[in-house]
Amino acid sequence: MNKSLEKDLTADVVVVGAGAVGSMMAWQLAQKGVKVLLIDAGPRIERANAIQHFFASAEKGPNSPYPSQPYAPHPMHPQDHLVQAGPAVFGGSYLRGVGGTTWHWTGFSARFRPNDFRTKSLFGVGVDWPVGYADLQELYLFVEKQWGTAGDSAFDQGGPRGGAPFPLPKVPMTYADTLIRDALAPLGYTVAPFAHARNSEVFDGRPACCGSSSCAPICPIGAKYDASVHVAKAEAAGVRVVSEALVEHIEVGPDQLVTGLRVRGSDGQRAVATGRAYVIAAHAIETPSLLLRSAQANAPQGVANRSDAVGRY
């Protein structure tokens, strides 16, 4: 049954998208005493129900545990939901629901390498980032701690850690991993465990990995991090979470500031969410889609797009 949309959608800060970024942003703001409204287009996800959906699915794909909803569809295949006309077609899948795509990610959590930020300068391809690896070092450490990242502190995977150990011990290598490691060693190759946001021991009230081998599309016991962890923390800190609420349009005033968000509930009702500030954290595809389709008289190229860079690169 579709639920009715709440009419009072006001807060100091309105966050769109209850995934990895939005949930952690809402939680941190609430800890500072900020009144936060966290909106997500998709439904709440119950782990037990999702496991049953996965078990019953013949396809066993990334979104198998999470049925697409007509009020907020997500792509099960590359052309579902997305109309793609460019030469580089997005072939992945993502999830619209509270907790976002972290529900079905692998948990793989290696950092970018320092050279990744300077591909133009070093290799003549792409563009250089406006920030460097060193600028993100403390943020990497913070996120790794929040996720409960397990890794081998003797193997930085190309991302220098500045002496900081991983928050949790490494997940042990499998027998097959050790055979491959030993076979490749004489050839000069190194095999070591990558960092995973997967508990190697009890952490943050979540159990240690039991080896179910279904990290993607769902961890049955919650040992792998997903953003529902920080959604729960955000709610405990006072954040109001509204699910099944699709943001259709961003309204902009003559001063180029956002005045509100037009929201449609799963039952078709509409309302406007307002705040002093807005955070759009709705996935790398849904975020630019929302900004661009919100083109209007006060934002003819779309919201926050005077540079004509939204959705590019």
Protein backbone atom coordinates (compact mmCIF):
# COMPACT_ATOMS: atom_id res chain seq x y z
CA MET A 1 0.00 0.00 0.00
CA ASN A 2 1.32 3.44 -0.93
CA LYS A 3 1.61 5.79 1.99
CA SER A 4 0.40 9.37 2.23
CA LEU A 5 2.98 12.12 1.92
CA GLU A 6 3.64 14.19 5.00
CA LYS A 7 2.46 17.78 4.61
CA ASP A 8 4.95 19.44 6.96
CA LEU A 9 8.22 19.10 5.07
CA THR A 10 10.23 21.89 6.67
CA ALA A 11 13.62 21.85 8.38
CA ASP A 12 16.82 23.83 8.67
CA VAL A 13 18.44 21.53 6.11
CA VAL A 14 16.67 19.29 3.60
CA VAL A 15 18.80 16.36 2.40
CA VAL A 16 17.69 14.52 -0.75
CA GLY A 17 18.86 10.92 -0.86
CA ALA A 18 19.25 8.60 2.14
CA GLY A 19 22.28 6.80 0.78
CA ALA A 20 25.94 6.77 1.77
CA VAL A 21 26.43 10.54 1.52
CA GLY A 22 23.00 11.81 2.53
CA SER A 23 22.65 9.64 5.63
CA MET A 24 26.08 10.55 6.97
CA MET A 25 25.54 14.23 6.20
CA ALA A 26 22.20 14.20 8.02
CA TRP A 27 23.69 12.40 11.01
CA GLN A 28 26.60 14.85 11.34
CA LEU A 29 24.34 17.90 11.02
CA ALA A 30 21.93 16.55 13.64
CA GLN A 31 24.81 16.09 16.07
CA LYS A 32 25.38 19.86 15.77
CA GLY A 33 21.77 20.58 16.70
CA VAL A 34 20.58 21.23 13.16
CA LYS A 35 16.98 20.29 12.32
CA VAL A 36 17.27 17.93 9.34
CA LEU A 37 14.74 16.41 6.95
CA LEU A 38 16.09 13.40 5.03
CA ILE A 39 14.03 12.52 1.94
CA ASP A 40 14.33 9.41 -0.21
CA ALA A 41 12.42 8.47 -3.36
CA GLY A 42 12.36 4.78 -2.51
CA PRO A 43 10.90 2.70 0.30
CA ARG A 44 12.29 1.53 3.61
CA ILE A 45 14.10 -1.79 3.16
CA GLU A 46 13.69 -4.62 5.65
CA ARG A 47 16.66 -7.00 5.48
CA ALA A 48 14.63 -10.15 6.06
CA ASN A 49 12.17 -9.26 3.31
CA ALA A 50 15.00 -8.41 0.92
CA ILE A 51 16.64 -11.79 1.57
CA GLN A 52 13.37 -13.54 0.71
CA HIS A 53 13.08 -11.54 -2.53
CA PHE A 54 16.63 -12.54 -3.43
CA PHE A 55 15.95 -16.19 -2.64
CA ALA A 56 12.83 -16.20 -4.81
CA SER A 57 14.37 -14.33 -7.75
CA ALA A 58 15.37 -16.33 -10.81
CA GLU A 59 17.73 -13.61 -12.03
CA LYS A 60 19.91 -13.14 -8.92
CA GLY A 61 21.10 -9.73 -10.13
CA PRO A 62 22.23 -6.74 -8.04
CA ASN A 63 18.70 -5.43 -7.53
CA SER A 64 17.02 -8.83 -7.12
CA PRO A 65 16.40 -8.34 -3.38
CA TYR A 66 14.91 -4.88 -3.96
CA PRO A 67 11.82 -4.81 -6.20
CA SER A 68 11.58 -1.69 -8.34
CA GLN A 69 8.65 0.50 -7.35
CA PRO A 70 6.47 2.30 -9.91
CA TYR A 71 6.72 5.58 -7.98
CA ALA A 72 10.56 5.43 -7.97
CA PRO A 73 11.87 2.86 -10.45
CA HIS A 74 15.50 1.85 -10.55
CA PRO A 75 17.29 0.22 -13.48
CA MET A 76 17.45 -3.55 -13.44
CA HIS A 77 19.02 -3.44 -16.91
CA PRO A 78 20.95 -0.59 -18.61
CA GLN A 79 17.96 0.78 -20.55
CA ASP A 80 15.41 0.52 -17.72
CA HIS A 81 14.37 3.92 -16.35
CA LEU A 82 17.25 5.67 -18.14
CA VAL A 83 16.96 7.07 -21.66
CA GLN A 84 20.53 7.06 -22.96
CA ALA A 85 21.57 8.74 -26.18
CA GLY A 86 25.30 9.34 -25.72
CA PRO A 87 28.14 7.18 -27.00
CA ALA A 88 29.18 6.03 -23.50
CA VAL A 89 26.27 4.01 -22.14
CA PHE A 90 25.95 3.49 -18.40
CA GLY A 91 25.76 -0.28 -17.97
CA GLY A 92 25.53 -0.60 -14.21
CA SER A 93 22.60 -0.60 -11.85
CA TYR A 94 21.70 1.36 -8.77
CA LEU A 95 19.07 1.24 -6.11
CA ARG A 96 16.43 3.73 -5.00
CA GLY A 97 15.52 3.05 -1.40
CA VAL A 98 16.48 4.12 2.11
CA GLY A 99 20.14 3.17 2.41
CA GLY A 100 20.73 3.51 -1.31
CA THR A 101 23.01 1.40 -3.45
CA THR A 102 25.21 0.50 -0.48
CA TRP A 103 22.66 -2.27 0.10
CA HIS A 104 24.05 -4.11 -2.92
CA TRP A 105 27.60 -2.78 -3.26
CA THR A 106 30.46 -5.22 -2.77
CA GLY A 107 31.92 -3.38 0.23
CA PHE A 108 35.14 -2.83 -1.71
CA SER A 109 36.58 0.35 -0.20
CA ALA A 110 40.06 1.04 -1.57
CA ARG A 111 41.04 4.69 -1.83
CA PHE A 112 41.90 6.49 -5.03
CA ARG A 113 45.64 6.63 -5.69
CA PRO A 114 47.49 9.98 -5.63
CA ASN A 115 48.00 9.81 -9.42
CA ASP A 116 44.23 9.51 -9.96
CA PHE A 117 43.90 13.20 -9.12
CA ARG A 118 46.44 14.31 -11.77
CA THR A 119 45.72 12.23 -14.86
CA LYS A 120 45.95 15.23 -17.21
CA SER A 121 49.30 16.43 -15.86
CA LEU A 122 50.82 12.96 -15.59
CA PHE A 123 49.30 11.05 -18.48
CA GLY A 124 47.67 13.60 -20.76
CA VAL A 125 44.16 12.22 -20.36
CA GLY A 126 41.05 13.41 -18.54
CA VAL A 127 41.30 16.45 -16.27
CA ASP A 128 43.16 17.16 -13.05
CA TRP A 129 41.08 17.38 -9.88
CA PRO A 130 40.92 20.73 -8.03
CA VAL A 131 41.99 18.84 -4.88
CA GLY A 132 44.75 16.33 -4.25
CA TYR A 133 45.10 13.10 -2.34
CA ALA A 134 46.54 14.86 0.70
CA ASP A 135 43.45 17.09 0.94
CA LEU A 136 41.27 13.99 1.45
CA GLN A 137 43.52 12.05 3.83
CA GLU A 138 41.68 12.94 7.04
CA LEU A 139 38.30 12.44 5.36
CA TYR A 140 39.34 9.00 4.16
CA LEU A 141 40.29 8.07 7.72
CA PHE A 142 36.97 9.35 9.06
CA VAL A 143 34.87 7.43 6.54
CA GLU A 144 36.89 4.24 6.96
CA LYS A 145 36.24 4.39 10.69
CA GLN A 146 32.52 4.97 10.20
CA TRP A 147 32.25 2.07 7.77
CA GLY A 148 34.31 -0.31 9.89
CA THR A 149 36.82 -0.90 7.11
CA ALA A 150 38.90 -4.06 7.42
CA GLY A 151 42.27 -4.25 5.70
CA ASP A 152 45.90 -5.27 5.84
CA SER A 153 47.77 -2.28 7.26
CA ALA A 154 50.98 -3.57 5.65
CA PHE A 155 49.40 -3.25 2.20
CA ASP A 156 48.16 0.26 1.38
CA GLN A 157 46.91 -0.69 -2.12
CA GLY A 158 48.65 2.34 -3.59
CA GLY A 159 46.93 4.81 -1.27
CA PRO A 160 49.44 5.93 1.41
CA ARG A 161 47.92 5.81 4.89
CA GLY A 162 50.44 7.99 6.69
CA GLY A 163 51.01 5.28 9.28
CA ALA A 164 47.33 4.99 10.20
CA PRO A 165 46.17 1.37 10.53
CA PHE A 166 42.88 0.14 9.14
CA PRO A 167 40.10 0.34 11.74
CA LEU A 168 39.58 -3.44 11.68
CA PRO A 169 41.92 -6.38 11.03
CA LYS A 170 42.00 -7.78 7.51
CA VAL A 171 39.44 -10.32 6.38
CA PRO A 172 41.43 -13.59 6.08
CA MET A 173 42.39 -14.69 2.57
CA THR A 174 40.70 -17.80 1.21
CA TYR A 175 42.60 -20.99 0.44
CA ALA A 176 42.33 -20.18 -3.27
CA ASP A 177 43.77 -16.71 -2.61
CA THR A 178 46.83 -18.23 -0.94
CA LEU A 179 47.40 -20.67 -3.81
CA ILE A 180 47.31 -17.82 -6.33
CA ARG A 181 49.55 -15.68 -4.11
CA ASP A 182 52.19 -18.42 -3.88
CA ALA A 183 52.05 -19.16 -7.61
CA LEU A 184 52.51 -15.51 -8.59
CA ALA A 185 55.21 -14.63 -6.05
CA PRO A 186 58.11 -16.05 -8.18
CA LEU A 187 56.91 -13.84 -11.04
CA GLY A 188 57.24 -10.71 -8.91
CA TYR A 189 53.54 -10.14 -8.36
CA THR A 190 51.93 -9.42 -4.99
CA VAL A 191 48.56 -10.73 -3.89
CA ALA A 192 47.08 -9.26 -0.72
CA PRO A 193 43.56 -8.61 0.63
CA PHE A 194 41.89 -5.41 -0.43
CA ALA A 195 40.11 -3.17 2.06
CA HIS A 196 36.47 -4.01 2.64
CA ALA A 197 33.75 -2.24 4.60
CA ARG A 198 32.96 -5.62 6.10
CA ASN A 199 33.37 -6.45 9.76
CA SER A 200 36.21 -8.87 10.44
CA GLU A 201 35.17 -8.72 14.10
CA VAL A 202 32.19 -7.36 15.99
CA PHE A 203 32.07 -3.61 15.40
CA ASP A 204 29.54 -0.84 15.96
CA GLY A 205 26.87 -3.27 17.13
CA ARG A 206 27.15 -5.34 13.94
CA PRO A 207 28.42 -8.93 13.75
CA ALA A 208 31.56 -10.22 12.07
CA CYS A 209 31.36 -11.58 8.54
CA CYS A 210 30.26 -15.22 8.47
CA GLY A 211 31.26 -15.87 4.86
CA SER A 212 27.83 -16.00 3.23
CA SER A 213 29.45 -14.89 -0.06
CA SER A 214 26.48 -12.70 -1.00
CA CYS A 215 27.94 -9.26 -0.15
CA ALA A 216 26.46 -8.26 -3.49
CA PRO A 217 23.52 -8.08 -3.60
CA ILE A 218 22.84 -8.40 0.16
CA CYS A 219 24.62 -9.25 3.39
CA PRO A 220 22.13 -11.38 5.34
CA ILE A 221 23.47 -10.41 8.76
CA GLY A 222 24.55 -6.77 8.33
CA ALA A 223 28.28 -7.42 8.68
CA LYS A 224 28.91 -5.47 5.49
CA TYR A 225 28.33 -1.74 5.89
CA ASP A 226 25.34 -0.18 4.22
CA ALA A 227 23.93 3.30 4.72
CA SER A 228 20.97 2.07 6.76
CA VAL A 229 23.53 2.14 9.61
CA HIS A 230 23.80 5.92 9.43
CA VAL A 231 20.12 6.38 8.64
CA ALA A 232 19.43 4.75 12.02
CA LYS A 233 22.06 6.91 13.71
CA ALA A 234 20.61 10.01 12.07
CA GLU A 235 17.10 9.18 13.29
CA ALA A 236 18.43 8.55 16.81
CA ALA A 237 19.98 12.04 16.66
CA GLY A 238 16.65 13.61 15.70
CA VAL A 239 16.62 13.51 11.90
CA ARG A 240 13.19 13.06 10.33
CA VAL A 241 13.29 10.51 7.50
CA VAL A 242 10.59 10.60 4.83
CA SER A 243 10.63 7.66 2.43
CA GLU A 244 8.62 7.10 -0.77
CA ALA A 245 9.00 10.82 -1.53
CA LEU A 246 10.33 11.59 -4.99
CA VAL A 247 11.76 15.08 -5.50
CA GLU A 248 10.46 16.09 -8.94
CA HIS A 249 11.64 19.69 -9.24
CA ILE A 250 13.90 22.21 -7.52
CA GLU A 251 12.37 25.67 -7.34
CA VAL A 252 14.73 28.65 -7.69
CA GLY A 253 14.05 32.31 -6.91
CA PRO A 254 15.19 35.42 -8.83
CA ASP A 255 18.27 35.58 -6.60
CA GLN A 256 19.34 32.12 -7.86
CA LEU A 257 18.75 30.59 -4.42
CA VAL A 258 16.64 27.47 -3.96
CA THR A 259 13.21 28.25 -2.51
CA GLY A 260 11.83 24.73 -2.22
CA LEU A 261 11.60 21.19 -3.54
CA ARG A 262 8.49 19.83 -5.20
CA VAL A 263 7.91 16.33 -3.84
CA ARG A 264 5.56 13.56 -5.01
CA GLY A 265 4.54 10.79 -2.64
CA SER A 266 3.99 7.16 -3.61
CA ASP A 267 0.22 7.79 -3.53
CA GLY A 268 0.54 10.63 -6.04
CA GLN A 269 0.06 13.47 -3.56
CA ARG A 270 2.39 16.44 -3.83
CA ALA A 271 3.92 18.87 -1.35
CA VAL A 272 6.81 21.33 -1.15
CA ALA A 273 9.83 20.76 1.11
CA THR A 274 11.55 23.90 2.37
CA GLY A 275 14.66 24.66 4.38
CA ARG A 276 17.43 27.18 4.90
CA ALA A 277 19.83 24.96 2.96
CA TYR A 278 19.54 21.95 0.67
CA VAL A 279 21.80 18.96 0.04
CA ILE A 280 21.27 16.96 -3.16
CA ALA A 281 22.82 13.52 -2.56
CA ALA A 282 20.75 11.41 -4.93
CA HIS A 283 23.39 9.34 -6.75
CA ALA A 284 25.77 10.29 -9.56
CA ILE A 285 23.00 9.86 -12.13
CA GLU A 286 19.88 10.99 -10.27
CA THR A 287 21.55 14.14 -8.91
CA PRO A 288 22.46 15.72 -12.27
CA SER A 289 19.17 14.43 -13.69
CA LEU A 290 17.24 16.34 -11.03
CA LEU A 291 19.36 19.49 -11.46
CA LEU A 292 18.98 19.52 -15.24
CA ARG A 293 15.29 18.69 -15.40
CA SER A 294 14.63 21.56 -12.96
CA ALA A 295 15.35 24.10 -15.73
CA GLN A 296 13.08 27.17 -15.33
CA ALA A 297 13.01 30.90 -15.93
CA ASN A 298 15.40 31.63 -13.07
CA ALA A 299 17.67 28.71 -14.00
CA PRO A 300 17.38 28.22 -17.78
CA GLN A 301 20.26 25.72 -17.97
CA GLY A 302 19.15 23.81 -14.91
CA VAL A 303 19.90 24.36 -11.23
CA ALA A 304 23.52 25.15 -10.26
CA ASN A 305 24.53 24.92 -13.91
CA ARG A 306 25.71 28.34 -15.00
CA SER A 307 29.01 26.61 -15.85
CA ASP A 308 27.19 24.14 -18.13
CA ALA A 309 29.21 21.42 -16.39
CA VAL A 310 26.42 19.55 -14.57
CA GLY A 311 26.25 16.00 -15.88
CA ARG A 312 29.53 16.27 -17.76
CA TYR A 313 32.95 14.66 -17.15
